[in-house]
Amino acid sequence: MADKQDGPTKADWVAAGLSALTAGGIEAVRVERLAVILGVSKGPFYWRFKNRGELLEAIIEFWKRDFTADLIEQTSHFDTPRERLEALAELAVVSTSGALDVAKTECALRAWAAQDPLPRAAVREVDAMRTKHLTEEFKLLGAPHPLAEQLAKAIYLALLGLYTVRQYTPELADEQSYLTAVRIALDAAQIQSSHSTEASGAKSRPEPDI
């Protein structure tokens, strides 16, 4: 009898499931199909998961961690918010993560979310997490909250657009253009910070004696 320590790990099933989702949509994420891909029978799947639903939850958690939390963590050691955001943008436009196509994976998760409340809640959570992080970094650059939030949404929406056109109009998917847009947004935040500092300094100067 095979030992539970043998065969695909939980991570192997998650990776296979996410690859299947990216390639064929949620209907492609079937235990039988994943078992064939991994070269085993269905039995070892149930050593790792109670059912398909538990696998789907694990796929979502993997996406939330590897495609968001880990990227933020990888840039946290930079000293300034500008450096952190520039590094984060560079990571965000990388075309693959392991064996996964980043753009296709993002689009596949969002297509699934349009059909199912489980991934829909996760996508909303991730969108909120990403835009909140960007907003806080822009605020650290000196932008007031409304502008920081607008700049955060602008570069995030541009990134989602980049992921979309990579699949259908690849010649339009210019990573350098996206990075230029990020730098322009960073400049705008810093210019606003400088103007605010100058205005504050002017107000604090004493009126000259007449």
N, C-alpha and C. Protein backbone atom coordinates (compact mmCIF):
# COMPACT_ATOMS: atom_id res chain seq x y z
N MET A 1 0.85 -1.20 0.00
CA MET A 1 0.00 0.00 0.00
C MET A 1 0.88 1.24 0.00
N ALA A 2 0.51 2.22 -0.79
CA ALA A 2 1.29 3.45 -0.86
C ALA A 2 1.17 4.23 0.43
N ASP A 3 2.24 4.86 0.82
CA ASP A 3 2.25 5.67 2.03
C ASP A 3 1.77 7.07 1.71
N LYS A 4 1.11 7.72 2.68
CA LYS A 4 0.60 9.08 2.45
C LYS A 4 1.72 10.08 2.22
N GLN A 5 2.93 9.73 2.62
CA GLN A 5 4.06 10.61 2.37
C GLN A 5 4.51 10.55 0.91
N ASP A 6 4.08 9.50 0.21
CA ASP A 6 4.43 9.37 -1.20
C ASP A 6 3.45 10.18 -2.05
N GLY A 7 3.77 10.32 -3.30
CA GLY A 7 2.86 10.97 -4.22
C GLY A 7 2.91 12.48 -4.15
N PRO A 8 2.06 13.14 -4.92
CA PRO A 8 2.07 14.60 -4.98
C PRO A 8 1.76 15.24 -3.63
N THR A 9 2.45 16.33 -3.36
CA THR A 9 2.20 17.08 -2.13
C THR A 9 0.98 17.97 -2.31
N LYS A 10 0.56 18.59 -1.22
CA LYS A 10 -0.53 19.55 -1.29
C LYS A 10 -0.19 20.67 -2.27
N ALA A 11 1.07 21.14 -2.19
CA ALA A 11 1.51 22.21 -3.09
C ALA A 11 1.47 21.77 -4.55
N ASP A 12 1.78 20.48 -4.81
CA ASP A 12 1.73 19.97 -6.18
C ASP A 12 0.30 20.03 -6.74
N TRP A 13 -0.67 19.64 -5.91
CA TRP A 13 -2.06 19.67 -6.35
C TRP A 13 -2.53 21.11 -6.59
N VAL A 14 -2.11 22.02 -5.71
CA VAL A 14 -2.49 23.42 -5.88
C VAL A 14 -1.89 23.99 -7.16
N ALA A 15 -0.62 23.70 -7.39
CA ALA A 15 0.04 24.19 -8.61
C ALA A 15 -0.62 23.63 -9.86
N ALA A 16 -0.95 22.35 -9.83
CA ALA A 16 -1.62 21.74 -10.98
C ALA A 16 -3.00 22.34 -11.18
N GLY A 17 -3.70 22.59 -10.08
CA GLY A 17 -5.02 23.18 -10.16
C GLY A 17 -4.99 24.60 -10.71
N LEU A 18 -4.03 25.38 -10.28
CA LEU A 18 -3.93 26.75 -10.77
C LEU A 18 -3.53 26.79 -12.24
N SER A 19 -2.64 25.87 -12.63
CA SER A 19 -2.26 25.77 -14.04
C SER A 19 -3.46 25.39 -14.90
N ALA A 20 -4.27 24.45 -14.41
CA ALA A 20 -5.47 24.04 -15.14
C ALA A 20 -6.47 25.18 -15.24
N LEU A 21 -6.63 25.94 -14.16
CA LEU A 21 -7.52 27.09 -14.16
C LEU A 21 -7.07 28.12 -15.19
N THR A 22 -5.77 28.37 -15.22
CA THR A 22 -5.22 29.35 -16.15
C THR A 22 -5.40 28.91 -17.60
N ALA A 23 -5.24 27.62 -17.84
CA ALA A 23 -5.31 27.11 -19.21
C ALA A 23 -6.73 26.92 -19.72
N GLY A 24 -7.63 26.48 -18.82
CA GLY A 24 -8.96 26.09 -19.30
C GLY A 24 -10.13 26.58 -18.50
N GLY A 25 -9.89 27.47 -17.54
CA GLY A 25 -11.01 27.96 -16.74
C GLY A 25 -11.35 27.01 -15.61
N ILE A 26 -12.33 27.41 -14.81
CA ILE A 26 -12.65 26.65 -13.60
C ILE A 26 -13.14 25.23 -13.91
N GLU A 27 -13.78 25.03 -15.05
CA GLU A 27 -14.27 23.69 -15.39
C GLU A 27 -13.13 22.72 -15.64
N ALA A 28 -11.94 23.24 -15.90
CA ALA A 28 -10.78 22.37 -16.12
C ALA A 28 -10.17 21.87 -14.81
N VAL A 29 -10.58 22.46 -13.69
CA VAL A 29 -10.02 22.07 -12.39
C VAL A 29 -10.85 20.92 -11.84
N ARG A 30 -10.54 19.71 -12.32
CA ARG A 30 -11.22 18.49 -11.90
C ARG A 30 -10.20 17.52 -11.35
N VAL A 31 -10.58 16.84 -10.27
CA VAL A 31 -9.65 15.93 -9.61
C VAL A 31 -9.11 14.89 -10.58
N GLU A 32 -9.99 14.31 -11.38
CA GLU A 32 -9.56 13.27 -12.31
C GLU A 32 -8.51 13.80 -13.28
N ARG A 33 -8.76 14.98 -13.81
CA ARG A 33 -7.84 15.57 -14.78
C ARG A 33 -6.50 15.92 -14.12
N LEU A 34 -6.55 16.46 -12.92
CA LEU A 34 -5.30 16.82 -12.22
C LEU A 34 -4.50 15.56 -11.88
N ALA A 35 -5.20 14.48 -11.54
CA ALA A 35 -4.51 13.23 -11.22
C ALA A 35 -3.75 12.72 -12.44
N VAL A 36 -4.37 12.82 -13.61
CA VAL A 36 -3.70 12.40 -14.85
C VAL A 36 -2.46 13.25 -15.08
N ILE A 37 -2.60 14.57 -14.89
CA ILE A 37 -1.47 15.48 -15.08
C ILE A 37 -0.32 15.12 -14.15
N LEU A 38 -0.67 14.75 -12.92
CA LEU A 38 0.36 14.44 -11.92
C LEU A 38 0.80 12.98 -11.96
N GLY A 39 0.17 12.18 -12.81
CA GLY A 39 0.60 10.80 -13.00
C GLY A 39 0.22 9.86 -11.88
N VAL A 40 -0.94 10.13 -11.25
CA VAL A 40 -1.40 9.28 -10.14
C VAL A 40 -2.89 9.00 -10.32
N SER A 41 -3.42 8.14 -9.46
CA SER A 41 -4.86 7.93 -9.42
C SER A 41 -5.49 9.04 -8.58
N LYS A 42 -6.82 9.01 -8.46
CA LYS A 42 -7.49 10.03 -7.65
C LYS A 42 -7.22 9.86 -6.16
N GLY A 43 -6.90 8.65 -5.74
CA GLY A 43 -6.74 8.36 -4.32
C GLY A 43 -5.83 9.32 -3.57
N PRO A 44 -4.61 9.56 -4.05
CA PRO A 44 -3.69 10.45 -3.32
C PRO A 44 -4.21 11.88 -3.13
N PHE A 45 -5.16 12.29 -3.99
CA PHE A 45 -5.74 13.63 -3.80
C PHE A 45 -6.38 13.73 -2.42
N TYR A 46 -7.09 12.67 -2.03
CA TYR A 46 -7.85 12.70 -0.78
C TYR A 46 -6.96 12.50 0.45
N TRP A 47 -5.69 12.27 0.23
CA TRP A 47 -4.74 12.32 1.35
C TRP A 47 -4.44 13.77 1.72
N ARG A 48 -4.61 14.66 0.75
CA ARG A 48 -4.24 16.06 0.95
C ARG A 48 -5.46 16.98 1.17
N PHE A 49 -6.59 16.63 0.54
CA PHE A 49 -7.77 17.49 0.60
C PHE A 49 -9.02 16.65 0.87
N LYS A 50 -9.97 17.25 1.56
CA LYS A 50 -11.23 16.54 1.80
C LYS A 50 -12.04 16.41 0.52
N ASN A 51 -12.00 17.47 -0.29
CA ASN A 51 -12.82 17.49 -1.49
C ASN A 51 -12.30 18.56 -2.45
N ARG A 52 -12.94 18.70 -3.60
CA ARG A 52 -12.53 19.69 -4.60
C ARG A 52 -12.67 21.10 -4.06
N GLY A 53 -13.70 21.34 -3.27
CA GLY A 53 -13.90 22.68 -2.72
C GLY A 53 -12.73 23.14 -1.87
N GLU A 54 -12.16 22.22 -1.11
CA GLU A 54 -11.00 22.57 -0.28
C GLU A 54 -9.80 22.90 -1.15
N LEU A 55 -9.65 22.20 -2.27
CA LEU A 55 -8.58 22.52 -3.21
C LEU A 55 -8.77 23.92 -3.78
N LEU A 56 -10.00 24.26 -4.16
CA LEU A 56 -10.26 25.58 -4.72
C LEU A 56 -9.93 26.68 -3.72
N GLU A 57 -10.24 26.45 -2.46
CA GLU A 57 -9.89 27.42 -1.42
C GLU A 57 -8.38 27.56 -1.31
N ALA A 58 -7.66 26.45 -1.42
CA ALA A 58 -6.19 26.49 -1.34
C ALA A 58 -5.60 27.22 -2.54
N ILE A 59 -6.20 27.06 -3.71
CA ILE A 59 -5.74 27.78 -4.90
C ILE A 59 -5.88 29.28 -4.69
N ILE A 60 -7.01 29.69 -4.14
CA ILE A 60 -7.24 31.12 -3.88
C ILE A 60 -6.22 31.65 -2.88
N GLU A 61 -5.97 30.91 -1.82
CA GLU A 61 -5.01 31.36 -0.80
C GLU A 61 -3.61 31.47 -1.39
N PHE A 62 -3.25 30.53 -2.25
CA PHE A 62 -1.94 30.59 -2.91
C PHE A 62 -1.83 31.86 -3.73
N TRP A 63 -2.87 32.15 -4.52
CA TRP A 63 -2.86 33.35 -5.36
C TRP A 63 -2.76 34.61 -4.50
N LYS A 64 -3.51 34.68 -3.43
CA LYS A 64 -3.47 35.85 -2.55
C LYS A 64 -2.08 36.05 -1.97
N ARG A 65 -1.43 34.95 -1.59
CA ARG A 65 -0.11 35.05 -0.96
C ARG A 65 0.98 35.33 -1.99
N ASP A 66 1.07 34.49 -3.00
CA ASP A 66 2.20 34.59 -3.93
C ASP A 66 2.11 35.77 -4.88
N PHE A 67 0.91 36.21 -5.21
CA PHE A 67 0.74 37.27 -6.19
C PHE A 67 0.53 38.64 -5.54
N THR A 68 0.48 38.69 -4.21
CA THR A 68 0.29 39.99 -3.54
C THR A 68 1.17 40.11 -2.31
N ALA A 69 0.88 39.35 -1.26
CA ALA A 69 1.60 39.51 0.00
C ALA A 69 3.10 39.29 -0.16
N ASP A 70 3.49 38.28 -0.91
CA ASP A 70 4.92 38.00 -1.08
C ASP A 70 5.63 39.11 -1.87
N LEU A 71 4.94 39.70 -2.85
CA LEU A 71 5.55 40.77 -3.63
C LEU A 71 5.78 42.01 -2.76
N ILE A 72 4.80 42.32 -1.92
CA ILE A 72 4.96 43.45 -1.00
C ILE A 72 6.11 43.20 -0.04
N GLU A 73 6.20 41.97 0.44
CA GLU A 73 7.28 41.62 1.37
C GLU A 73 8.64 41.72 0.69
N GLN A 74 8.73 41.33 -0.57
CA GLN A 74 10.01 41.37 -1.29
C GLN A 74 10.54 42.79 -1.49
N THR A 75 9.66 43.78 -1.42
CA THR A 75 10.09 45.16 -1.64
C THR A 75 10.18 45.96 -0.33
N SER A 76 9.87 45.34 0.78
CA SER A 76 9.78 46.07 2.05
C SER A 76 11.13 46.56 2.56
N HIS A 77 12.24 45.99 2.06
CA HIS A 77 13.56 46.36 2.59
C HIS A 77 14.09 47.66 1.99
N PHE A 78 13.45 48.17 0.94
CA PHE A 78 13.91 49.43 0.37
C PHE A 78 13.61 50.59 1.32
N ASP A 79 14.48 51.60 1.30
CA ASP A 79 14.40 52.67 2.30
C ASP A 79 13.27 53.66 2.07
N THR A 80 12.96 53.96 0.82
CA THR A 80 12.00 55.02 0.54
C THR A 80 10.76 54.45 -0.16
N PRO A 81 9.62 55.15 -0.01
CA PRO A 81 8.42 54.68 -0.70
C PRO A 81 8.57 54.67 -2.21
N ARG A 82 9.32 55.62 -2.75
CA ARG A 82 9.54 55.62 -4.20
C ARG A 82 10.30 54.37 -4.63
N GLU A 83 11.35 54.03 -3.90
CA GLU A 83 12.11 52.82 -4.24
C GLU A 83 11.24 51.58 -4.13
N ARG A 84 10.42 51.53 -3.08
CA ARG A 84 9.56 50.36 -2.89
C ARG A 84 8.53 50.23 -4.02
N LEU A 85 7.93 51.35 -4.41
CA LEU A 85 6.92 51.28 -5.47
C LEU A 85 7.54 50.99 -6.84
N GLU A 86 8.72 51.53 -7.10
CA GLU A 86 9.39 51.22 -8.36
C GLU A 86 9.76 49.74 -8.42
N ALA A 87 10.24 49.21 -7.30
CA ALA A 87 10.60 47.78 -7.26
C ALA A 87 9.35 46.92 -7.39
N LEU A 88 8.27 47.33 -6.75
CA LEU A 88 7.02 46.57 -6.83
C LEU A 88 6.49 46.56 -8.26
N ALA A 89 6.58 47.70 -8.94
CA ALA A 89 6.13 47.77 -10.33
C ALA A 89 6.96 46.85 -11.22
N GLU A 90 8.27 46.81 -10.97
CA GLU A 90 9.15 45.92 -11.74
C GLU A 90 8.75 44.46 -11.54
N LEU A 91 8.43 44.09 -10.31
CA LEU A 91 8.01 42.72 -10.03
C LEU A 91 6.65 42.42 -10.67
N ALA A 92 5.77 43.42 -10.66
CA ALA A 92 4.41 43.21 -11.16
C ALA A 92 4.37 42.94 -12.65
N VAL A 93 5.34 43.46 -13.40
CA VAL A 93 5.30 43.27 -14.86
C VAL A 93 6.09 42.04 -15.31
N VAL A 94 6.71 41.32 -14.38
CA VAL A 94 7.38 40.07 -14.75
C VAL A 94 6.34 39.12 -15.34
N SER A 95 6.66 38.48 -16.43
CA SER A 95 5.64 37.73 -17.18
C SER A 95 5.29 36.38 -16.55
N THR A 96 6.21 35.78 -15.80
CA THR A 96 5.93 34.47 -15.21
C THR A 96 6.26 34.45 -13.73
N SER A 97 5.56 33.59 -13.02
CA SER A 97 5.86 33.31 -11.62
C SER A 97 5.96 31.79 -11.50
N GLY A 98 7.19 31.30 -11.41
CA GLY A 98 7.38 29.86 -11.49
C GLY A 98 6.98 29.39 -12.88
N ALA A 99 6.08 28.43 -12.94
CA ALA A 99 5.61 27.93 -14.23
C ALA A 99 4.35 28.64 -14.70
N LEU A 100 3.86 29.60 -13.93
CA LEU A 100 2.60 30.26 -14.23
C LEU A 100 2.80 31.55 -15.03
N ASP A 101 1.93 31.76 -16.00
CA ASP A 101 1.87 33.03 -16.72
C ASP A 101 1.06 33.99 -15.84
N VAL A 102 1.71 35.06 -15.39
CA VAL A 102 1.08 35.96 -14.42
C VAL A 102 -0.20 36.58 -14.98
N ALA A 103 -0.13 37.12 -16.19
CA ALA A 103 -1.30 37.78 -16.78
C ALA A 103 -2.46 36.81 -16.95
N LYS A 104 -2.18 35.62 -17.47
CA LYS A 104 -3.25 34.64 -17.68
C LYS A 104 -3.85 34.18 -16.36
N THR A 105 -2.99 34.05 -15.35
CA THR A 105 -3.48 33.63 -14.03
C THR A 105 -4.40 34.69 -13.44
N GLU A 106 -3.98 35.95 -13.50
CA GLU A 106 -4.82 37.05 -12.99
C GLU A 106 -6.17 37.07 -13.71
N CYS A 107 -6.14 36.97 -15.03
CA CYS A 107 -7.37 37.04 -15.81
C CYS A 107 -8.26 35.82 -15.56
N ALA A 108 -7.65 34.66 -15.38
CA ALA A 108 -8.42 33.45 -15.10
C ALA A 108 -9.12 33.54 -13.75
N LEU A 109 -8.42 34.08 -12.74
CA LEU A 109 -9.04 34.24 -11.42
C LEU A 109 -10.22 35.20 -11.51
N ARG A 110 -10.07 36.27 -12.28
CA ARG A 110 -11.14 37.26 -12.38
C ARG A 110 -12.31 36.74 -13.21
N ALA A 111 -12.03 35.92 -14.21
CA ALA A 111 -13.12 35.30 -14.98
C ALA A 111 -13.90 34.34 -14.09
N TRP A 112 -13.20 33.60 -13.26
CA TRP A 112 -13.86 32.69 -12.31
C TRP A 112 -14.68 33.50 -11.31
N ALA A 113 -14.13 34.63 -10.85
CA ALA A 113 -14.81 35.47 -9.87
C ALA A 113 -16.13 36.02 -10.42
N ALA A 114 -16.21 36.18 -11.73
CA ALA A 114 -17.45 36.68 -12.33
C ALA A 114 -18.58 35.66 -12.22
N GLN A 115 -18.23 34.39 -11.94
CA GLN A 115 -19.22 33.32 -11.89
C GLN A 115 -19.51 32.81 -10.49
N ASP A 116 -18.59 33.07 -9.54
CA ASP A 116 -18.64 32.37 -8.26
C ASP A 116 -18.33 33.34 -7.12
N PRO A 117 -19.16 33.38 -6.08
CA PRO A 117 -18.93 34.31 -4.97
C PRO A 117 -17.67 34.03 -4.16
N LEU A 118 -17.20 32.78 -4.17
CA LEU A 118 -15.99 32.46 -3.40
C LEU A 118 -14.77 33.21 -3.93
N PRO A 119 -14.40 33.05 -5.20
CA PRO A 119 -13.27 33.82 -5.70
C PRO A 119 -13.58 35.31 -5.81
N ARG A 120 -14.87 35.65 -5.99
CA ARG A 120 -15.22 37.07 -6.08
C ARG A 120 -14.84 37.80 -4.81
N ALA A 121 -15.11 37.20 -3.67
CA ALA A 121 -14.74 37.81 -2.39
C ALA A 121 -13.23 37.94 -2.27
N ALA A 122 -12.51 36.93 -2.75
CA ALA A 122 -11.04 36.96 -2.68
C ALA A 122 -10.47 38.04 -3.59
N VAL A 123 -11.03 38.17 -4.79
CA VAL A 123 -10.55 39.20 -5.73
C VAL A 123 -10.78 40.59 -5.14
N ARG A 124 -11.94 40.80 -4.55
CA ARG A 124 -12.22 42.09 -3.92
C ARG A 124 -11.24 42.36 -2.77
N GLU A 125 -10.96 41.33 -2.00
CA GLU A 125 -10.01 41.47 -0.90
C GLU A 125 -8.62 41.83 -1.41
N VAL A 126 -8.19 41.14 -2.46
CA VAL A 126 -6.86 41.41 -3.03
C VAL A 126 -6.80 42.79 -3.65
N ASP A 127 -7.84 43.18 -4.38
CA ASP A 127 -7.87 44.52 -4.97
C ASP A 127 -7.77 45.58 -3.87
N ALA A 128 -8.50 45.38 -2.79
CA ALA A 128 -8.46 46.34 -1.68
C ALA A 128 -7.09 46.36 -1.02
N MET A 129 -6.49 45.18 -0.84
CA MET A 129 -5.16 45.09 -0.23
C MET A 129 -4.12 45.81 -1.08
N ARG A 130 -4.17 45.57 -2.38
CA ARG A 130 -3.18 46.17 -3.28
C ARG A 130 -3.34 47.69 -3.34
N THR A 131 -4.57 48.16 -3.52
CA THR A 131 -4.77 49.62 -3.63
C THR A 131 -4.50 50.32 -2.31
N LYS A 132 -4.81 49.67 -1.19
CA LYS A 132 -4.50 50.27 0.10
C LYS A 132 -3.00 50.43 0.28
N HIS A 133 -2.25 49.38 -0.09
CA HIS A 133 -0.79 49.46 0.03
C HIS A 133 -0.23 50.57 -0.84
N LEU A 134 -0.69 50.66 -2.08
CA LEU A 134 -0.21 51.70 -2.98
C LEU A 134 -0.58 53.08 -2.44
N THR A 135 -1.79 53.22 -1.94
CA THR A 135 -2.22 54.51 -1.39
C THR A 135 -1.34 54.94 -0.23
N GLU A 136 -1.06 54.02 0.67
CA GLU A 136 -0.23 54.35 1.83
C GLU A 136 1.18 54.77 1.41
N GLU A 137 1.72 54.12 0.40
CA GLU A 137 3.05 54.48 -0.08
C GLU A 137 3.05 55.87 -0.72
N PHE A 138 2.00 56.17 -1.49
CA PHE A 138 1.90 57.51 -2.09
C PHE A 138 1.74 58.58 -1.00
N LYS A 139 1.03 58.25 0.06
CA LYS A 139 0.89 59.20 1.18
C LYS A 139 2.24 59.43 1.85
N LEU A 140 3.04 58.36 1.96
CA LEU A 140 4.38 58.52 2.54
C LEU A 140 5.27 59.40 1.67
N LEU A 141 4.98 59.43 0.37
CA LEU A 141 5.71 60.32 -0.54
C LEU A 141 5.31 61.78 -0.35
N GLY A 142 4.18 61.99 0.32
CA GLY A 142 3.74 63.35 0.60
C GLY A 142 2.45 63.75 -0.07
N ALA A 143 1.83 62.84 -0.82
CA ALA A 143 0.56 63.16 -1.47
C ALA A 143 -0.57 63.15 -0.45
N PRO A 144 -1.49 64.11 -0.52
CA PRO A 144 -2.67 64.06 0.36
C PRO A 144 -3.51 62.83 0.01
N HIS A 145 -4.32 62.39 0.96
CA HIS A 145 -5.03 61.12 0.78
C HIS A 145 -5.84 61.03 -0.51
N PRO A 146 -6.64 62.04 -0.87
CA PRO A 146 -7.42 61.90 -2.11
C PRO A 146 -6.54 61.68 -3.34
N LEU A 147 -5.44 62.43 -3.45
CA LEU A 147 -4.54 62.27 -4.60
C LEU A 147 -3.83 60.92 -4.51
N ALA A 148 -3.40 60.53 -3.33
CA ALA A 148 -2.71 59.25 -3.17
C ALA A 148 -3.61 58.09 -3.61
N GLU A 149 -4.88 58.17 -3.26
CA GLU A 149 -5.82 57.12 -3.63
C GLU A 149 -6.05 57.11 -5.14
N GLN A 150 -6.16 58.28 -5.74
CA GLN A 150 -6.35 58.36 -7.19
C GLN A 150 -5.14 57.81 -7.95
N LEU A 151 -3.94 58.17 -7.50
CA LEU A 151 -2.73 57.68 -8.16
C LEU A 151 -2.61 56.16 -8.00
N ALA A 152 -2.96 55.66 -6.81
CA ALA A 152 -2.91 54.22 -6.56
C ALA A 152 -3.85 53.48 -7.51
N LYS A 153 -5.08 53.97 -7.61
CA LYS A 153 -6.06 53.32 -8.49
C LYS A 153 -5.62 53.41 -9.95
N ALA A 154 -5.04 54.55 -10.32
CA ALA A 154 -4.63 54.75 -11.72
C ALA A 154 -3.58 53.72 -12.14
N ILE A 155 -2.54 53.55 -11.31
CA ILE A 155 -1.49 52.62 -11.74
C ILE A 155 -1.94 51.16 -11.58
N TYR A 156 -2.86 50.91 -10.65
CA TYR A 156 -3.35 49.54 -10.50
C TYR A 156 -4.25 49.16 -11.67
N LEU A 157 -5.15 50.07 -12.06
CA LEU A 157 -6.00 49.80 -13.21
C LEU A 157 -5.17 49.65 -14.48
N ALA A 158 -4.11 50.44 -14.60
CA ALA A 158 -3.22 50.31 -15.76
C ALA A 158 -2.56 48.94 -15.78
N LEU A 159 -2.19 48.43 -14.61
CA LEU A 159 -1.57 47.10 -14.53
C LEU A 159 -2.55 46.01 -14.97
N LEU A 160 -3.80 46.11 -14.50
CA LEU A 160 -4.80 45.13 -14.90
C LEU A 160 -5.04 45.20 -16.41
N GLY A 161 -4.99 46.40 -16.95
CA GLY A 161 -5.12 46.55 -18.40
C GLY A 161 -3.96 45.91 -19.14
N LEU A 162 -2.76 46.08 -18.60
CA LEU A 162 -1.57 45.46 -19.19
C LEU A 162 -1.72 43.94 -19.22
N TYR A 163 -2.19 43.36 -18.10
CA TYR A 163 -2.39 41.91 -18.05
C TYR A 163 -3.40 41.46 -19.11
N THR A 164 -4.45 42.25 -19.31
CA THR A 164 -5.49 41.87 -20.27
C THR A 164 -4.96 41.88 -21.70
N VAL A 165 -4.29 42.97 -22.09
CA VAL A 165 -3.86 43.07 -23.49
C VAL A 165 -2.71 42.12 -23.81
N ARG A 166 -2.00 41.64 -22.79
CA ARG A 166 -0.96 40.64 -23.07
C ARG A 166 -1.53 39.43 -23.78
N GLN A 167 -2.79 39.11 -23.50
CA GLN A 167 -3.40 37.91 -24.07
C GLN A 167 -3.95 38.14 -25.47
N TYR A 168 -4.44 39.36 -25.73
CA TYR A 168 -5.16 39.59 -26.97
C TYR A 168 -4.44 40.52 -27.95
N THR A 169 -3.71 41.50 -27.43
CA THR A 169 -2.99 42.45 -28.28
C THR A 169 -1.58 42.60 -27.70
N PRO A 170 -0.74 41.58 -27.81
CA PRO A 170 0.55 41.60 -27.14
C PRO A 170 1.46 42.74 -27.56
N GLU A 171 1.29 43.23 -28.80
CA GLU A 171 2.14 44.34 -29.23
C GLU A 171 1.83 45.62 -28.45
N LEU A 172 0.65 45.69 -27.84
CA LEU A 172 0.29 46.85 -27.03
C LEU A 172 0.77 46.72 -25.59
N ALA A 173 1.12 45.51 -25.20
CA ALA A 173 1.51 45.23 -23.82
C ALA A 173 2.97 45.62 -23.58
N ASP A 174 3.20 46.92 -23.48
CA ASP A 174 4.55 47.46 -23.34
C ASP A 174 4.85 47.73 -21.87
N GLU A 175 5.67 46.86 -21.28
CA GLU A 175 6.00 47.00 -19.86
C GLU A 175 6.70 48.32 -19.55
N GLN A 176 7.56 48.77 -20.47
CA GLN A 176 8.28 50.02 -20.22
C GLN A 176 7.33 51.22 -20.19
N SER A 177 6.29 51.18 -21.00
CA SER A 177 5.30 52.25 -20.96
C SER A 177 4.59 52.26 -19.61
N TYR A 178 4.29 51.07 -19.10
CA TYR A 178 3.66 51.00 -17.78
C TYR A 178 4.58 51.55 -16.70
N LEU A 179 5.84 51.17 -16.74
CA LEU A 179 6.80 51.65 -15.74
C LEU A 179 6.98 53.16 -15.84
N THR A 180 6.92 53.70 -17.05
CA THR A 180 6.98 55.15 -17.22
C THR A 180 5.78 55.81 -16.55
N ALA A 181 4.60 55.22 -16.71
CA ALA A 181 3.39 55.75 -16.08
C ALA A 181 3.52 55.73 -14.55
N VAL A 182 4.13 54.69 -14.02
CA VAL A 182 4.35 54.61 -12.58
C VAL A 182 5.27 55.74 -12.13
N ARG A 183 6.34 55.97 -12.87
CA ARG A 183 7.28 57.04 -12.50
C ARG A 183 6.60 58.41 -12.57
N ILE A 184 5.73 58.61 -13.56
CA ILE A 184 5.00 59.87 -13.67
C ILE A 184 4.10 60.06 -12.45
N ALA A 185 3.44 59.00 -12.02
CA ALA A 185 2.59 59.06 -10.84
C ALA A 185 3.42 59.38 -9.59
N LEU A 186 4.59 58.78 -9.48
CA LEU A 186 5.48 59.05 -8.35
C LEU A 186 5.93 60.51 -8.37
N ASP A 187 6.27 61.02 -9.55
CA ASP A 187 6.67 62.42 -9.68
C ASP A 187 5.53 63.34 -9.25
N ALA A 188 4.31 63.00 -9.66
CA ALA A 188 3.15 63.83 -9.31
C ALA A 188 2.96 63.90 -7.79
N ALA A 189 3.16 62.77 -7.13
CA ALA A 189 3.02 62.75 -5.67
C ALA A 189 4.10 63.61 -5.01
N GLN A 190 5.32 63.52 -5.52
CA GLN A 190 6.41 64.29 -4.93
C GLN A 190 6.29 65.77 -5.22
N ILE A 191 5.78 66.13 -6.41
CA ILE A 191 5.57 67.54 -6.74
C ILE A 191 4.51 68.13 -5.81
N GLN A 192 3.44 67.36 -5.58
CA GLN A 192 2.39 67.82 -4.68
C GLN A 192 2.94 68.01 -3.27
N SER A 193 3.82 67.10 -2.86
CA SER A 193 4.45 67.21 -1.53
C SER A 193 5.28 68.49 -1.43
N SER A 194 6.04 68.79 -2.50
CA SER A 194 6.87 70.00 -2.50
C SER A 194 6.02 71.25 -2.44
N HIS A 195 4.92 71.27 -3.20
CA HIS A 195 4.04 72.43 -3.19
C HIS A 195 3.41 72.63 -1.81
N SER A 196 3.03 71.53 -1.17
CA SER A 196 2.43 71.62 0.15
C SER A 196 3.42 72.15 1.16
N THR A 197 4.69 71.70 1.05
CA THR A 197 5.74 72.17 1.96
C THR A 197 6.00 73.66 1.77
N GLU A 198 6.04 74.10 0.49
CA GLU A 198 6.27 75.51 0.21
C GLU A 198 5.13 76.37 0.73
N ALA A 199 3.90 75.90 0.54
CA ALA A 199 2.74 76.65 1.01
C ALA A 199 2.73 76.75 2.53
N SER A 200 3.10 75.65 3.18
CA SER A 200 3.15 75.65 4.64
C SER A 200 4.22 76.60 5.14
N GLY A 201 5.36 76.62 4.44
CA GLY A 201 6.44 77.51 4.85
C GLY A 201 6.06 78.96 4.67
N ALA A 202 5.34 79.26 3.60
CA ALA A 202 4.92 80.64 3.35
C ALA A 202 3.97 81.12 4.42
N LYS A 203 3.07 80.24 4.87
CA LYS A 203 2.11 80.62 5.90
C LYS A 203 2.79 80.86 7.24
N SER A 204 3.89 80.15 7.48
CA SER A 204 4.56 80.26 8.77
C SER A 204 5.49 81.46 8.86
N ARG A 205 5.77 82.11 7.72
CA ARG A 205 6.67 83.26 7.77
C ARG A 205 5.93 84.45 8.40
N PRO A 206 6.59 85.20 9.29
CA PRO A 206 5.97 86.37 9.91
C PRO A 206 5.76 87.48 8.88
N GLU A 207 4.68 88.22 9.06
CA GLU A 207 4.44 89.36 8.20
C GLU A 207 5.49 90.43 8.44
N PRO A 208 6.04 91.03 7.36
CA PRO A 208 7.06 92.06 7.56
C PRO A 208 6.48 93.31 8.21
N ASP A 209 7.32 93.96 9.05
CA ASP A 209 6.88 95.20 9.69
C ASP A 209 6.82 96.31 8.67
N ILE A 210 5.81 97.12 8.76
CA ILE A 210 5.66 98.24 7.84
C ILE A 210 5.98 99.55 8.56
